[in-house]
Amino acid sequence: MAAAGLALELNRLVRWLTNGFCVCAAVMLAAAAVRAAVPTGMGGCQLWLKADTGVLTSTAGGVTNWLDQSGMGRNATQATAAKQPTVQANALNNLPAIRFDGTDDLLGYDGSFFAGSAYTIFVVEGRRSNKNANYILRGTTSANNNNLIVGYRENNQFTHAQFANDYNMAVAGYTSQEFVVYALDCGDAKHTWRNGTLLGSNAEATSPTMRSRVPPPS
Protein backbone atom coordinates (compact mmCIF):
# COMPACT_ATOMS: atom_id res chain seq x y z
CA MET A 1 0.00 0.00 0.00
CA ALA A 2 1.41 3.39 -0.91
CA ALA A 3 1.88 5.70 2.05
CA ALA A 4 0.11 8.49 0.15
CA GLY A 5 -2.96 6.31 -0.34
CA LEU A 6 -2.98 5.52 3.36
CA ALA A 7 -2.59 9.15 4.37
CA LEU A 8 -5.65 10.14 2.34
CA GLU A 9 -7.79 7.72 4.31
CA LEU A 10 -6.75 8.35 7.93
CA ASN A 11 -10.02 10.04 8.88
CA ARG A 12 -11.99 7.18 7.39
CA LEU A 13 -9.83 4.67 9.26
CA VAL A 14 -10.48 6.41 12.57
CA ARG A 15 -14.22 6.23 11.93
CA TRP A 16 -13.91 2.55 11.03
CA LEU A 17 -11.86 1.48 13.98
CA THR A 18 -13.35 3.65 16.73
CA ASN A 19 -10.30 3.18 18.96
CA GLY A 20 -9.98 -0.50 18.14
CA PHE A 21 -8.19 -2.49 15.49
CA CYS A 22 -8.72 -4.81 12.57
CA VAL A 23 -6.64 -7.46 10.86
CA CYS A 24 -7.01 -8.34 7.19
CA ALA A 25 -5.39 -11.34 5.56
CA ALA A 26 -4.00 -9.86 2.37
CA VAL A 27 -0.56 -9.58 0.87
CA MET A 28 -0.94 -5.86 0.13
CA LEU A 29 -4.12 -3.78 0.16
CA ALA A 30 -4.44 -1.37 -2.74
CA ALA A 31 -5.43 2.23 -2.04
CA ALA A 32 -8.79 1.57 -3.71
CA ALA A 33 -9.48 -1.20 -1.20
CA VAL A 34 -8.78 1.16 1.69
CA ARG A 35 -11.66 3.30 0.50
CA ALA A 36 -14.19 0.55 1.21
CA ALA A 37 -17.01 1.67 3.52
CA VAL A 38 -15.90 -0.56 6.42
CA PRO A 39 -13.03 -3.05 7.03
CA THR A 40 -15.28 -5.97 6.08
CA GLY A 41 -15.71 -4.33 2.67
CA MET A 42 -11.99 -4.76 1.92
CA GLY A 43 -12.22 -8.54 1.63
CA GLY A 44 -10.28 -10.95 3.83
CA CYS A 45 -11.12 -9.19 7.10
CA GLN A 46 -10.18 -11.64 9.85
CA LEU A 47 -10.67 -9.60 13.04
CA TRP A 48 -12.31 -6.24 13.77
CA LEU A 49 -12.68 -4.89 17.31
CA LYS A 50 -14.28 -1.47 17.75
CA ALA A 51 -15.12 0.23 21.02
CA ASP A 52 -18.62 1.45 20.10
CA THR A 53 -20.01 -1.95 19.12
CA GLY A 54 -19.99 -5.40 20.72
CA VAL A 55 -18.44 -4.48 24.06
CA LEU A 56 -19.93 -6.54 26.91
CA THR A 57 -19.24 -5.55 30.52
CA SER A 58 -19.79 -7.01 33.97
CA THR A 59 -21.95 -5.34 36.60
CA ALA A 60 -18.72 -3.79 37.95
CA GLY A 61 -17.96 -2.24 34.55
CA GLY A 62 -15.11 -4.50 33.43
CA VAL A 63 -15.00 -5.62 29.79
CA THR A 64 -15.69 -9.35 29.68
CA ASN A 65 -16.12 -9.73 25.92
CA TRP A 66 -15.08 -7.59 22.95
CA LEU A 67 -17.03 -9.08 20.07
CA ASP A 68 -15.36 -9.49 16.70
CA GLN A 69 -17.18 -7.47 14.01
CA SER A 70 -15.50 -9.27 11.10
CA GLY A 71 -18.01 -12.10 11.12
CA MET A 72 -15.25 -14.62 11.93
CA GLY A 73 -16.23 -14.99 15.59
CA ARG A 74 -12.76 -14.26 17.02
CA ASN A 75 -14.01 -12.54 20.16
CA ALA A 76 -11.55 -11.17 22.72
CA THR A 77 -12.45 -12.23 26.26
CA GLN A 78 -11.40 -11.95 29.89
CA ALA A 79 -13.09 -13.88 32.73
CA THR A 80 -10.88 -12.59 35.58
CA ALA A 81 -12.36 -9.37 36.96
CA ALA A 82 -9.02 -7.90 38.06
CA LYS A 83 -7.67 -8.19 34.49
CA GLN A 84 -10.65 -6.65 32.70
CA PRO A 85 -10.19 -3.28 30.97
CA THR A 86 -12.89 -0.60 31.12
CA VAL A 87 -14.85 1.51 28.65
CA GLN A 88 -13.99 5.22 28.49
CA ALA A 89 -16.78 7.31 26.99
CA ASN A 90 -15.98 10.22 24.66
CA ALA A 91 -12.28 9.36 24.52
CA LEU A 92 -11.73 10.57 20.94
CA ASN A 93 -14.05 12.65 18.73
CA ASN A 94 -16.99 11.78 21.02
CA LEU A 95 -16.28 8.08 20.53
CA PRO A 96 -15.47 5.55 23.26
CA ALA A 97 -12.23 3.67 23.83
CA ILE A 98 -11.24 0.53 25.74
CA ARG A 99 -8.77 1.43 28.50
CA PHE A 100 -6.21 -1.07 29.79
CA ASP A 101 -4.34 -0.41 33.05
CA GLY A 102 -0.86 -1.11 31.64
CA THR A 103 -0.16 -3.67 34.35
CA ASP A 104 -2.20 -6.84 33.95
CA ASP A 105 -5.35 -5.99 31.99
CA LEU A 106 -5.67 -8.07 28.83
CA LEU A 107 -8.19 -9.66 26.49
CA GLY A 108 -7.34 -13.02 24.98
CA TYR A 109 -8.20 -14.14 21.47
CA ASP A 110 -7.21 -16.95 19.10
CA GLY A 111 -4.48 -15.57 16.84
CA SER A 112 -3.74 -18.84 15.05
CA PHE A 113 -5.16 -17.40 11.81
CA PHE A 114 -1.89 -15.45 11.48
CA ALA A 115 0.02 -18.71 10.94
CA GLY A 116 1.82 -18.66 7.60
CA SER A 117 -0.42 -15.88 6.25
CA ALA A 118 0.26 -12.43 4.91
CA TYR A 119 -1.51 -9.79 6.98
CA THR A 120 -2.32 -6.11 7.31
CA ILE A 121 -3.17 -4.58 10.71
CA PHE A 122 -4.75 -1.20 11.44
CA VAL A 123 -4.91 0.14 14.99
CA VAL A 124 -5.92 3.40 16.64
CA GLU A 125 -4.24 3.79 20.04
CA GLY A 126 -3.28 6.38 22.61
CA ARG A 127 -0.76 5.33 25.24
CA ARG A 128 -0.87 6.99 28.66
CA SER A 129 2.65 6.44 30.01
CA ASN A 130 6.33 6.24 29.08
CA LYS A 131 6.77 2.66 30.31
CA ASN A 132 8.76 0.06 28.39
CA ALA A 133 7.19 -3.14 27.02
CA ASN A 134 3.95 -1.19 26.39
CA TYR A 135 2.47 -3.47 23.74
CA ILE A 136 -0.67 -3.31 21.61
CA LEU A 137 -0.46 -6.98 20.58
CA ARG A 138 1.55 -9.69 22.25
CA GLY A 139 1.29 -13.46 22.20
CA THR A 140 2.12 -15.93 24.91
CA THR A 141 4.89 -17.92 23.17
CA SER A 142 8.59 -16.99 23.31
CA ALA A 143 9.90 -19.37 20.63
CA ASN A 144 11.45 -17.89 17.49
CA ASN A 145 8.85 -16.76 14.96
CA ASN A 146 6.00 -18.09 17.12
CA ASN A 147 4.71 -14.76 18.40
CA LEU A 148 3.55 -11.41 17.05
CA ILE A 149 4.55 -8.39 19.13
CA VAL A 150 3.44 -4.87 18.19
CA GLY A 151 3.86 -1.76 20.33
CA TYR A 152 6.32 0.27 22.34
CA ARG A 153 9.39 -1.78 23.22
CA GLU A 154 10.78 1.34 24.90
CA ASN A 155 9.40 4.83 25.50
CA ASN A 156 10.92 6.08 22.24
CA GLN A 157 10.95 2.83 20.25
CA PHE A 158 8.08 1.09 18.40
CA THR A 159 8.49 -2.55 17.37
CA HIS A 160 7.02 -5.00 14.87
CA ALA A 161 8.44 -8.30 16.03
CA GLN A 162 7.96 -12.08 16.01
CA PHE A 163 10.70 -13.23 18.42
CA ALA A 164 12.63 -13.26 15.16
CA ASN A 165 12.65 -11.05 12.08
CA ASP A 166 12.13 -8.04 14.37
CA TYR A 167 12.55 -4.41 13.47
CA ASN A 168 12.46 -1.44 15.83
CA MET A 169 11.63 2.15 14.89
CA ALA A 170 12.33 5.45 16.64
CA VAL A 171 9.32 7.46 17.80
CA ALA A 172 8.95 10.52 20.00
CA GLY A 173 8.83 9.74 23.71
CA TYR A 174 5.59 10.07 25.65
CA THR A 175 4.65 13.51 26.97
CA SER A 176 0.83 13.38 26.96
CA GLN A 177 -1.83 11.15 25.46
CA GLU A 178 -2.07 11.39 21.69
CA PHE A 179 -4.20 9.09 19.55
CA VAL A 180 -2.42 7.82 16.45
CA VAL A 181 -3.14 5.40 13.61
CA TYR A 182 -0.67 2.58 12.98
CA ALA A 183 -0.81 0.34 9.92
CA LEU A 184 1.42 -2.72 9.65
CA ASP A 185 1.72 -5.35 6.98
CA CYS A 186 3.58 -8.54 6.16
CA GLY A 187 3.50 -9.67 2.55
CA ASP A 188 6.51 -9.45 0.27
CA ALA A 189 8.17 -7.60 3.19
CA LYS A 190 7.13 -5.96 6.47
CA HIS A 191 6.18 -2.29 6.79
CA THR A 192 4.90 0.01 9.54
CA TRP A 193 3.16 3.35 8.96
CA ARG A 194 2.31 5.95 11.62
CA ASN A 195 -0.38 8.47 10.69
CA GLY A 196 0.20 7.69 7.02
CA THR A 197 3.99 8.11 7.06
CA LEU A 198 6.24 5.09 6.59
CA LEU A 199 7.97 4.54 9.94
CA GLY A 200 10.09 1.52 9.02
CA SER A 201 10.36 -1.70 7.03
CA ASN A 202 12.05 -5.08 7.01
CA ALA A 203 12.78 -7.17 3.91
CA GLU A 204 11.96 -10.38 5.82
CA ALA A 205 8.47 -11.61 4.84
CA THR A 206 8.03 -14.66 7.11
CA SER A 207 4.72 -14.76 9.00
CA PRO A 208 4.47 -16.05 12.60
CA THR A 209 2.71 -19.04 14.10
CA MET A 210 1.05 -18.17 17.39
CA ARG A 211 -1.94 -17.73 19.66
CA SER A 212 -2.14 -14.15 20.85
CA ARG A 213 -3.78 -11.73 23.24
CA VAL A 214 -4.74 -8.06 23.21
CA PRO A 215 -3.08 -5.83 25.84
CA PRO A 216 -3.19 -2.33 24.32
CA PRO A 217 -0.95 0.36 25.80
CA SER A 218 -1.63 2.23 29.01
C-alpha atoms as a PDB file:
ATOM      1  CA  MET A   1       0.000   0.000   0.000  1.00  0.00           C
ATOM      2  CA  ALA A   2       1.406   3.388  -0.910  1.00  0.00           C
ATOM      3  CA  ALA A   3       1.882   5.704   2.052  1.00  0.00           C
ATOM      4  CA  ALA A   4       0.110   8.489   0.148  1.00  0.00           C
ATOM      5  CA  GLY A   5      -2.962   6.313  -0.337  1.00  0.00           C
ATOM      6  CA  LEU A   6      -2.976   5.519   3.357  1.00  0.00           C
ATOM      7  CA  ALA A   7      -2.595   9.151   4.369  1.00  0.00           C
ATOM      8  CA  LEU A   8      -5.653  10.135   2.343  1.00  0.00           C
ATOM      9  CA  GLU A   9      -7.789   7.724   4.309  1.00  0.00           C
ATOM     10  CA  LEU A  10      -6.749   8.349   7.930  1.00  0.00           C
ATOM     11  CA  ASN A  11     -10.019  10.043   8.875  1.00  0.00           C
ATOM     12  CA  ARG A  12     -11.994   7.184   7.392  1.00  0.00           C
ATOM     13  CA  LEU A  13      -9.834   4.666   9.257  1.00  0.00           C
ATOM     14  CA  VAL A  14     -10.476   6.406  12.568  1.00  0.00           C
ATOM     15  CA  ARG A  15     -14.223   6.234  11.932  1.00  0.00           C
ATOM     16  CA  TRP A  16     -13.910   2.549  11.030  1.00  0.00           C
ATOM     17  CA  LEU A  17     -11.856   1.484  13.984  1.00  0.00           C
ATOM     18  CA  THR A  18     -13.346   3.654  16.730  1.00  0.00           C
ATOM     19  CA  ASN A  19     -10.303   3.175  18.959  1.00  0.00           C
ATOM     20  CA  GLY A  20      -9.979  -0.498  18.143  1.00  0.00           C
ATOM     21  CA  PHE A  21      -8.185  -2.487  15.491  1.00  0.00           C
ATOM     22  CA  CYS A  22      -8.720  -4.809  12.572  1.00  0.00           C
ATOM     23  CA  VAL A  23      -6.638  -7.461  10.857  1.00  0.00           C
ATOM     24  CA  CYS A  24      -7.015  -8.340   7.192  1.00  0.00           C
ATOM     25  CA  ALA A  25      -5.388 -11.339   5.564  1.00  0.00           C
ATOM     26  CA  ALA A  26      -4.002  -9.863   2.375  1.00  0.00           C
ATOM     27  CA  VAL A  27      -0.560  -9.577   0.872  1.00  0.00           C
ATOM     28  CA  MET A  28      -0.942  -5.855   0.131  1.00  0.00           C
ATOM     29  CA  LEU A  29      -4.119  -3.783   0.161  1.00  0.00           C
ATOM     30  CA  ALA A  30      -4.442  -1.374  -2.741  1.00  0.00           C
ATOM     31  CA  ALA A  31      -5.431   2.231  -2.041  1.00  0.00           C
ATOM     32  CA  ALA A  32      -8.790   1.568  -3.709  1.00  0.00           C
ATOM     33  CA  ALA A  33      -9.476  -1.202  -1.203  1.00  0.00           C
ATOM     34  CA  VAL A  34      -8.777   1.163   1.695  1.00  0.00           C
ATOM     35  CA  ARG A  35     -11.662   3.302   0.505  1.00  0.00           C
ATOM     36  CA  ALA A  36     -14.193   0.545   1.212  1.00  0.00           C
ATOM     37  CA  ALA A  37     -17.012   1.667   3.518  1.00  0.00           C
ATOM     38  CA  VAL A  38     -15.898  -0.562   6.421  1.00  0.00           C
ATOM     39  CA  PRO A  39     -13.032  -3.048   7.029  1.00  0.00           C
ATOM     40  CA  THR A  40     -15.285  -5.967   6.080  1.00  0.00           C
ATOM     41  CA  GLY A  41     -15.706  -4.330   2.673  1.00  0.00           C
ATOM     42  CA  MET A  42     -11.994  -4.763   1.924  1.00  0.00           C
ATOM     43  CA  GLY A  43     -12.224  -8.537   1.634  1.00  0.00           C
ATOM     44  CA  GLY A  44     -10.275 -10.947   3.829  1.00  0.00           C
ATOM     45  CA  CYS A  45     -11.124  -9.188   7.099  1.00  0.00           C
ATOM     46  CA  GLN A  46     -10.175 -11.639   9.854  1.00  0.00           C
ATOM     47  CA  LEU A  47     -10.665  -9.602  13.043  1.00  0.00           C
ATOM     48  CA  TRP A  48     -12.308  -6.243  13.773  1.00  0.00           C
ATOM     49  CA  LEU A  49     -12.679  -4.892  17.306  1.00  0.00           C
ATOM     50  CA  LYS A  50     -14.283  -1.468  17.754  1.00  0.00           C
ATOM     51  CA  ALA A  51     -15.125   0.229  21.020  1.00  0.00           C
ATOM     52  CA  ASP A  52     -18.621   1.453  20.099  1.00  0.00           C
ATOM     53  CA  THR A  53     -20.007  -1.946  19.120  1.00  0.00           C
ATOM     54  CA  GLY A  54     -19.985  -5.401  20.715  1.00  0.00           C
ATOM     55  CA  VAL A  55     -18.442  -4.480  24.058  1.00  0.00           C
ATOM     56  CA  LEU A  56     -19.934  -6.536  26.912  1.00  0.00           C
ATOM     57  CA  THR A  57     -19.243  -5.553  30.516  1.00  0.00           C
ATOM     58  CA  SER A  58     -19.787  -7.011  33.974  1.00  0.00           C
ATOM     59  CA  THR A  59     -21.954  -5.337  36.597  1.00  0.00           C
ATOM     60  CA  ALA A  60     -18.721  -3.794  37.950  1.00  0.00           C
ATOM     61  CA  GLY A  61     -17.962  -2.244  34.549  1.00  0.00           C
ATOM     62  CA  GLY A  62     -15.107  -4.503  33.431  1.00  0.00           C
ATOM     63  CA  VAL A  63     -15.002  -5.621  29.786  1.00  0.00           C
ATOM     64  CA  THR A  64     -15.686  -9.352  29.681  1.00  0.00           C
ATOM     65  CA  ASN A  65     -16.125  -9.733  25.917  1.00  0.00           C
ATOM     66  CA  TRP A  66     -15.082  -7.590  22.953  1.00  0.00           C
ATOM     67  CA  LEU A  67     -17.030  -9.078  20.071  1.00  0.00           C
ATOM     68  CA  ASP A  68     -15.355  -9.488  16.701  1.00  0.00           C
ATOM     69  CA  GLN A  69     -17.178  -7.473  14.013  1.00  0.00           C
ATOM     70  CA  SER A  70     -15.498  -9.267  11.096  1.00  0.00           C
ATOM     71  CA  GLY A  71     -18.010 -12.105  11.121  1.00  0.00           C
ATOM     72  CA  MET A  72     -15.254 -14.617  11.926  1.00  0.00           C
ATOM     73  CA  GLY A  73     -16.226 -14.988  15.592  1.00  0.00           C
ATOM     74  CA  ARG A  74     -12.760 -14.261  17.015  1.00  0.00           C
ATOM     75  CA  ASN A  75     -14.012 -12.536  20.158  1.00  0.00           C
ATOM     76  CA  ALA A  76     -11.549 -11.167  22.721  1.00  0.00           C
ATOM     77  CA  THR A  77     -12.452 -12.230  26.262  1.00  0.00           C
ATOM     78  CA  GLN A  78     -11.402 -11.954  29.892  1.00  0.00           C
ATOM     79  CA  ALA A  79     -13.085 -13.882  32.727  1.00  0.00           C
ATOM     80  CA  THR A  80     -10.877 -12.589  35.576  1.00  0.00           C
ATOM     81  CA  ALA A  81     -12.362  -9.372  36.965  1.00  0.00           C
ATOM     82  CA  ALA A  82      -9.016  -7.903  38.063  1.00  0.00           C
ATOM     83  CA  LYS A  83      -7.667  -8.187  34.491  1.00  0.00           C
ATOM     84  CA  GLN A  84     -10.646  -6.649  32.705  1.00  0.00           C
ATOM     85  CA  PRO A  85     -10.191  -3.282  30.973  1.00  0.00           C
ATOM     86  CA  THR A  86     -12.891  -0.602  31.115  1.00  0.00           C
ATOM     87  CA  VAL A  87     -14.848   1.507  28.652  1.00  0.00           C
ATOM     88  CA  GLN A  88     -13.990   5.216  28.489  1.00  0.00           C
ATOM     89  CA  ALA A  89     -16.781   7.305  26.995  1.00  0.00           C
ATOM     90  CA  ASN A  90     -15.980  10.224  24.661  1.00  0.00           C
ATOM     91  CA  ALA A  91     -12.276   9.357  24.521  1.00  0.00           C
ATOM     92  CA  LEU A  92     -11.727  10.572  20.944  1.00  0.00           C
ATOM     93  CA  ASN A  93     -14.045  12.652  18.732  1.00  0.00           C
ATOM     94  CA  ASN A  94     -16.991  11.776  21.024  1.00  0.00           C
ATOM     95  CA  LEU A  95     -16.283   8.077  20.529  1.00  0.00           C
ATOM     96  CA  PRO A  96     -15.473   5.551  23.259  1.00  0.00           C
ATOM     97  CA  ALA A  97     -12.227   3.671  23.833  1.00  0.00           C
ATOM     98  CA  ILE A  98     -11.244   0.533  25.742  1.00  0.00           C
ATOM     99  CA  ARG A  99      -8.771   1.432  28.499  1.00  0.00           C
ATOM    100  CA  PHE A 100      -6.213  -1.070  29.788  1.00  0.00           C
ATOM    101  CA  ASP A 101      -4.339  -0.405  33.046  1.00  0.00           C
ATOM    102  CA  GLY A 102      -0.861  -1.109  31.639  1.00  0.00           C
ATOM    103  CA  THR A 103      -0.159  -3.669  34.351  1.00  0.00           C
ATOM    104  CA  ASP A 104      -2.198  -6.844  33.950  1.00  0.00           C
ATOM    105  CA  ASP A 105      -5.352  -5.994  31.986  1.00  0.00           C
ATOM    106  CA  LEU A 106      -5.666  -8.070  28.827  1.00  0.00           C
ATOM    107  CA  LEU A 107      -8.190  -9.661  26.487  1.00  0.00           C
ATOM    108  CA  GLY A 108      -7.341 -13.024  24.982  1.00  0.00           C
ATOM    109  CA  TYR A 109      -8.200 -14.143  21.470  1.00  0.00           C
ATOM    110  CA  ASP A 110      -7.206 -16.950  19.099  1.00  0.00           C
ATOM    111  CA  GLY A 111      -4.483 -15.573  16.840  1.00  0.00           C
ATOM    112  CA  SER A 112      -3.743 -18.840  15.050  1.00  0.00           C
ATOM    113  CA  PHE A 113      -5.160 -17.403  11.807  1.00  0.00           C
ATOM    114  CA  PHE A 114      -1.889 -15.450  11.478  1.00  0.00           C
ATOM    115  CA  ALA A 115       0.015 -18.706  10.936  1.00  0.00           C
ATOM    116  CA  GLY A 116       1.822 -18.656   7.601  1.00  0.00           C
ATOM    117  CA  SER A 117      -0.417 -15.880   6.246  1.00  0.00           C
ATOM    118  CA  ALA A 118       0.256 -12.426   4.905  1.00  0.00           C
ATOM    119  CA  TYR A 119      -1.508  -9.787   6.984  1.00  0.00           C
ATOM    120  CA  THR A 120      -2.321  -6.107   7.311  1.00  0.00           C
ATOM    121  CA  ILE A 121      -3.173  -4.579  10.712  1.00  0.00           C
ATOM    122  CA  PHE A 122      -4.750  -1.197  11.439  1.00  0.00           C
ATOM    123  CA  VAL A 123      -4.912   0.142  14.993  1.00  0.00           C
ATOM    124  CA  VAL A 124      -5.923   3.399  16.645  1.00  0.00           C
ATOM    125  CA  GLU A 125      -4.245   3.785  20.042  1.00  0.00           C
ATOM    126  CA  GLY A 126      -3.282   6.380  22.610  1.00  0.00           C
ATOM    127  CA  ARG A 127      -0.759   5.325  25.240  1.00  0.00           C
ATOM    128  CA  ARG A 128      -0.868   6.992  28.660  1.00  0.00           C
ATOM    129  CA  SER A 129       2.652   6.443  30.014  1.00  0.00           C
ATOM    130  CA  ASN A 130       6.325   6.237  29.084  1.00  0.00           C
ATOM    131  CA  LYS A 131       6.771   2.659  30.308  1.00  0.00           C
ATOM    132  CA  ASN A 132       8.764   0.062  28.392  1.00  0.00           C
ATOM    133  CA  ALA A 133       7.188  -3.140  27.023  1.00  0.00           C
ATOM    134  CA  ASN A 134       3.951  -1.188  26.394  1.00  0.00           C
ATOM    135  CA  TYR A 135       2.467  -3.473  23.739  1.00  0.00           C
ATOM    136  CA  ILE A 136      -0.667  -3.309  21.607  1.00  0.00           C
ATOM    137  CA  LEU A 137      -0.462  -6.980  20.585  1.00  0.00           C
ATOM    138  CA  ARG A 138       1.549  -9.687  22.253  1.00  0.00           C
ATOM    139  CA  GLY A 139       1.286 -13.459  22.198  1.00  0.00           C
ATOM    140  CA  THR A 140       2.125 -15.935  24.913  1.00  0.00           C
ATOM    141  CA  THR A 141       4.887 -17.915  23.168  1.00  0.00           C
ATOM    142  CA  SER A 142       8.586 -16.994  23.313  1.00  0.00           C
ATOM    143  CA  ALA A 143       9.901 -19.366  20.628  1.00  0.00           C
ATOM    144  CA  ASN A 144      11.448 -17.886  17.487  1.00  0.00           C
ATOM    145  CA  ASN A 145       8.848 -16.765  14.963  1.00  0.00           C
ATOM    146  CA  ASN A 146       6.005 -18.087  17.116  1.00  0.00           C
ATOM    147  CA  ASN A 147       4.707 -14.764  18.400  1.00  0.00           C
ATOM    148  CA  LEU A 148       3.553 -11.415  17.046  1.00  0.00           C
ATOM    149  CA  ILE A 149       4.550  -8.386  19.129  1.00  0.00           C
ATOM    150  CA  VAL A 150       3.443  -4.869  18.189  1.00  0.00           C
ATOM    151  CA  GLY A 151       3.862  -1.764  20.330  1.00  0.00           C
ATOM    152  CA  TYR A 152       6.320   0.267  22.341  1.00  0.00           C
ATOM    153  CA  ARG A 153       9.386  -1.784  23.225  1.00  0.00           C
ATOM    154  CA  GLU A 154      10.777   1.339  24.901  1.00  0.00           C
ATOM    155  CA  ASN A 155       9.401   4.827  25.505  1.00  0.00           C
ATOM    156  CA  ASN A 156      10.917   6.082  22.235  1.00  0.00           C
ATOM    157  CA  GLN A 157      10.950   2.829  20.246  1.00  0.00           C
ATOM    158  CA  PHE A 158       8.085   1.089  18.405  1.00  0.00           C
ATOM    159  CA  THR A 159       8.494  -2.548  17.374  1.00  0.00           C
ATOM    160  CA  HIS A 160       7.019  -4.997  14.868  1.00  0.00           C
ATOM    161  CA  ALA A 161       8.435  -8.297  16.034  1.00  0.00           C
ATOM    162  CA  GLN A 162       7.960 -12.077  16.010  1.00  0.00           C
ATOM    163  CA  PHE A 163      10.699 -13.229  18.425  1.00  0.00           C
ATOM    164  CA  ALA A 164      12.635 -13.258  15.164  1.00  0.00           C
ATOM    165  CA  ASN A 165      12.654 -11.046  12.077  1.00  0.00           C
ATOM    166  CA  ASP A 166      12.126  -8.039  14.366  1.00  0.00           C
ATOM    167  CA  TYR A 167      12.549  -4.410  13.466  1.00  0.00           C
ATOM    168  CA  ASN A 168      12.457  -1.441  15.830  1.00  0.00           C
ATOM    169  CA  MET A 169      11.627   2.152  14.890  1.00  0.00           C
ATOM    170  CA  ALA A 170      12.334   5.446  16.640  1.00  0.00           C
ATOM    171  CA  VAL A 171       9.318   7.457  17.803  1.00  0.00           C
ATOM    172  CA  ALA A 172       8.949  10.521  19.998  1.00  0.00           C
ATOM    173  CA  GLY A 173       8.831   9.739  23.709  1.00  0.00           C
ATOM    174  CA  TYR A 174       5.586  10.074  25.648  1.00  0.00           C
ATOM    175  CA  THR A 175       4.646  13.513  26.972  1.00  0.00           C
ATOM    176  CA  SER A 176       0.831  13.385  26.960  1.00  0.00           C
ATOM    177  CA  GLN A 177      -1.834  11.152  25.462  1.00  0.00           C
ATOM    178  CA  GLU A 178      -2.073  11.388  21.687  1.00  0.00           C
ATOM    179  CA  PHE A 179      -4.198   9.091  19.550  1.00  0.00           C
ATOM    180  CA  VAL A 180      -2.422   7.824  16.447  1.00  0.00           C
ATOM    181  CA  VAL A 181      -3.136   5.395  13.607  1.00  0.00           C
ATOM    182  CA  TYR A 182      -0.667   2.576  12.979  1.00  0.00           C
ATOM    183  CA  ALA A 183      -0.814   0.337   9.916  1.00  0.00           C
ATOM    184  CA  LEU A 184       1.418  -2.720   9.647  1.00  0.00           C
ATOM    185  CA  ASP A 185       1.719  -5.355   6.975  1.00  0.00           C
ATOM    186  CA  CYS A 186       3.584  -8.541   6.165  1.00  0.00           C
ATOM    187  CA  GLY A 187       3.503  -9.670   2.554  1.00  0.00           C
ATOM    188  CA  ASP A 188       6.514  -9.447   0.267  1.00  0.00           C
ATOM    189  CA  ALA A 189       8.168  -7.597   3.192  1.00  0.00           C
ATOM    190  CA  LYS A 190       7.129  -5.963   6.466  1.00  0.00           C
ATOM    191  CA  HIS A 191       6.175  -2.289   6.788  1.00  0.00           C
ATOM    192  CA  THR A 192       4.898   0.005   9.538  1.00  0.00           C
ATOM    193  CA  TRP A 193       3.157   3.349   8.957  1.00  0.00           C
ATOM    194  CA  ARG A 194       2.307   5.952  11.624  1.00  0.00           C
ATOM    195  CA  ASN A 195      -0.382   8.475  10.694  1.00  0.00           C
ATOM    196  CA  GLY A 196       0.197   7.693   7.022  1.00  0.00           C
ATOM    197  CA  THR A 197       3.990   8.112   7.060  1.00  0.00           C
ATOM    198  CA  LEU A 198       6.238   5.095   6.593  1.00  0.00           C
ATOM    199  CA  LEU A 199       7.967   4.544   9.938  1.00  0.00           C
ATOM    200  CA  GLY A 200      10.094   1.520   9.021  1.00  0.00           C
ATOM    201  CA  SER A 201      10.355  -1.698   7.028  1.00  0.00           C
ATOM    202  CA  ASN A 202      12.046  -5.078   7.008  1.00  0.00           C
ATOM    203  CA  ALA A 203      12.776  -7.167   3.912  1.00  0.00           C
ATOM    204  CA  GLU A 204      11.955 -10.377   5.822  1.00  0.00           C
ATOM    205  CA  ALA A 205       8.469 -11.609   4.839  1.00  0.00           C
ATOM    206  CA  THR A 206       8.026 -14.664   7.106  1.00  0.00           C
ATOM    207  CA  SER A 207       4.724 -14.759   9.002  1.00  0.00           C
ATOM    208  CA  PRO A 208       4.470 -16.047  12.597  1.00  0.00           C
ATOM    209  CA  THR A 209       2.714 -19.044  14.097  1.00  0.00           C
ATOM    210  CA  MET A 210       1.052 -18.173  17.388  1.00  0.00           C
ATOM    211  CA  ARG A 211      -1.938 -17.732  19.663  1.00  0.00           C
ATOM    212  CA  SER A 212      -2.140 -14.153  20.848  1.00  0.00           C
ATOM    213  CA  ARG A 213      -3.783 -11.726  23.240  1.00  0.00           C
ATOM    214  CA  VAL A 214      -4.744  -8.064  23.207  1.00  0.00           C
ATOM    215  CA  PRO A 215      -3.080  -5.826  25.835  1.00  0.00           C
ATOM    216  CA  PRO A 216      -3.185  -2.327  24.319  1.00  0.00           C
ATOM    217  CA  PRO A 217      -0.949   0.358  25.795  1.00  0.00           C
ATOM    218  CA  SER A 218      -1.635   2.225  29.007  1.00  0.00           C
END
